[in-house]
Amino acid sequence: MFTLGLWLVQSTATAHETNNGVSRQLLFNQPLSNVPDHNFTAITVQLDPGNISPAHTHEAFVFVHVLTGKVRSQLNSAKPIDYVTGDSWIEPPGSVHTLTQNLNDKEIAKLLVIFVSKDGSKLTTSGTISQ
């Protein structure tokens, strides 16, 4: 199981992590001074062409913005939604992100992902997730 939270703690602002055709780069990680015991974390996520990522969940509030490309996203058992450059969505804490797919077979898709989390929360847990 991959835990982004552990990776972020061990990373610098220019660090990269790649796993299963998904590359992540930490942009910013800062405590929220007006919300005790909470952090603001920003990363970019690149999905290889045609990539279908494993199901994952977050112990954080998540905002996702498509910087480039076209992706299909599904939360829990809701209908999958296609997003293109400029589109955004949110993921409430505890949601299972059952599908993340780069719909282009030739180009990467790039996402800006913002987490607002409690201290010590696992930002992302991938792999088999029971619902």
Protein backbone atom coordinates (compact mmCIF):
# COMPACT_ATOMS: atom_id res chain seq x y z
CA MET A 1 0.00 0.00 0.00
CA PHE A 2 1.33 3.44 -0.88
CA THR A 3 0.91 6.24 1.65
CA LEU A 4 1.39 9.70 0.22
CA GLY A 5 1.45 11.21 3.71
CA LEU A 6 4.65 9.32 4.59
CA TRP A 7 6.17 10.27 1.25
CA LEU A 8 5.38 13.95 1.86
CA VAL A 9 6.99 13.93 5.27
CA GLN A 10 10.19 12.55 3.76
CA SER A 11 10.19 14.85 0.71
CA THR A 12 11.44 18.25 -0.25
CA ALA A 13 9.55 20.73 -2.43
CA THR A 14 11.16 19.34 -5.57
CA ALA A 15 10.79 15.62 -4.79
CA HIS A 16 9.06 13.24 -7.18
CA GLU A 17 7.46 9.86 -6.58
CA THR A 18 6.29 7.48 -9.30
CA ASN A 19 4.12 4.41 -8.73
CA ASN A 20 1.97 2.42 -11.20
CA GLY A 21 2.23 5.02 -13.99
CA VAL A 22 1.38 7.90 -11.66
CA SER A 23 3.98 10.58 -10.86
CA ARG A 24 3.52 12.92 -7.90
CA GLN A 25 5.44 16.11 -7.09
CA LEU A 26 5.12 17.98 -3.82
CA LEU A 27 4.62 21.70 -4.42
CA PHE A 28 3.76 23.01 -0.96
CA ASN A 29 3.06 21.73 2.56
CA GLN A 30 2.18 24.24 5.29
CA PRO A 31 0.29 24.21 8.60
CA LEU A 32 -2.93 26.24 8.49
CA SER A 33 -2.47 28.97 11.09
CA ASN A 34 -6.20 29.69 11.33
CA VAL A 35 -7.23 26.01 11.65
CA PRO A 36 -5.36 24.36 14.54
CA ASP A 37 -3.82 20.92 13.88
CA HIS A 38 -4.52 21.08 10.11
CA ASN A 39 -2.28 21.29 7.05
CA PHE A 40 -2.56 22.56 3.48
CA THR A 41 -0.71 20.39 0.94
CA ALA A 42 -0.47 20.94 -2.82
CA ILE A 43 0.89 18.39 -5.29
CA THR A 44 0.81 17.75 -9.00
CA VAL A 45 -0.15 14.32 -10.27
CA GLN A 46 0.78 13.08 -13.75
CA LEU A 47 -1.05 10.09 -15.21
CA ASP A 48 0.76 8.20 -17.97
CA PRO A 49 -1.11 7.86 -21.28
CA GLY A 50 -4.03 5.44 -20.88
CA ASN A 51 -3.29 4.97 -17.17
CA ILE A 52 -5.98 3.50 -14.93
CA SER A 53 -4.96 4.04 -11.31
CA PRO A 54 -5.78 1.71 -8.42
CA ALA A 55 -8.65 2.60 -6.10
CA HIS A 56 -7.63 4.87 -3.25
CA THR A 57 -9.04 6.92 -0.42
CA HIS A 58 -8.06 10.07 1.50
CA GLU A 59 -8.23 11.07 5.16
CA ALA A 60 -8.36 14.67 3.94
CA PHE A 61 -10.63 17.06 2.07
CA VAL A 62 -9.40 17.03 -1.54
CA PHE A 63 -9.75 19.57 -4.37
CA VAL A 64 -8.62 18.39 -7.83
CA HIS A 65 -8.09 20.64 -10.87
CA VAL A 66 -7.24 19.27 -14.34
CA LEU A 67 -4.21 21.20 -15.62
CA THR A 68 -3.89 19.26 -18.90
CA GLY A 69 -5.66 16.35 -20.52
CA LYS A 70 -8.90 14.46 -20.09
CA VAL A 71 -9.56 12.17 -17.13
CA ARG A 72 -12.42 9.98 -15.98
CA SER A 73 -13.10 10.01 -12.25
CA GLN A 74 -15.50 8.01 -10.10
CA LEU A 75 -16.17 8.38 -6.38
CA ASN A 76 -17.72 5.52 -4.44
CA SER A 77 -20.48 3.97 -6.59
CA ALA A 78 -21.49 7.21 -8.36
CA LYS A 79 -21.53 7.41 -12.15
CA PRO A 80 -18.04 8.11 -13.64
CA ILE A 81 -17.55 11.69 -14.84
CA ASP A 82 -15.17 12.89 -17.57
CA TYR A 83 -13.17 16.05 -16.81
CA VAL A 84 -11.07 18.12 -19.24
CA THR A 85 -8.45 20.84 -18.86
CA GLY A 86 -9.86 23.55 -16.58
CA ASP A 87 -12.43 21.33 -14.82
CA SER A 88 -12.35 20.66 -11.06
CA TRP A 89 -13.98 18.42 -8.45
CA ILE A 90 -13.87 17.78 -4.72
CA GLU A 91 -13.55 14.58 -2.71
CA PRO A 92 -14.87 14.56 0.85
CA PRO A 93 -12.70 12.78 3.46
CA GLY A 94 -13.21 9.01 3.42
CA SER A 95 -14.54 8.84 -0.15
CA VAL A 96 -13.28 5.91 -2.18
CA HIS A 97 -11.89 7.14 -5.49
CA THR A 98 -12.81 3.97 -7.37
CA LEU A 99 -11.63 5.14 -10.81
CA THR A 100 -9.00 7.58 -12.05
CA GLN A 101 -8.25 7.16 -15.75
CA ASN A 102 -6.29 9.15 -18.32
CA LEU A 103 -8.57 8.95 -21.36
CA ASN A 104 -5.77 9.82 -23.80
CA ASP A 105 -3.56 6.94 -25.03
CA LYS A 106 -0.81 9.26 -26.30
CA GLU A 107 -0.44 12.16 -23.84
CA ILE A 108 -0.09 12.55 -20.08
CA ALA A 109 -2.83 14.10 -17.98
CA LYS A 110 -1.71 16.48 -15.23
CA LEU A 111 -3.71 17.36 -12.11
CA LEU A 112 -3.27 19.91 -9.34
CA VAL A 113 -4.38 18.28 -6.08
CA ILE A 114 -4.96 20.24 -2.86
CA PHE A 115 -5.38 18.48 0.50
CA VAL A 116 -6.68 20.02 3.72
CA SER A 117 -5.92 17.47 6.42
CA LYS A 118 -5.60 16.94 10.15
CA ASP A 119 -2.08 16.49 11.49
CA GLY A 120 -0.99 12.87 11.07
CA SER A 121 -3.64 11.99 8.46
CA LYS A 122 -2.79 9.67 5.58
CA LEU A 123 -3.32 11.83 2.54
CA THR A 124 -3.66 8.91 0.13
CA THR A 125 -3.90 5.16 0.59
CA SER A 126 -3.88 3.03 -2.57
CA GLY A 127 -4.59 -0.61 -3.17
CA THR A 128 -7.49 -2.81 -2.18
CA ILE A 129 -9.94 -0.71 -0.21
CA SER A 130 -13.01 -2.23 1.38
CA GLN A 131 -16.17 -0.15 1.16
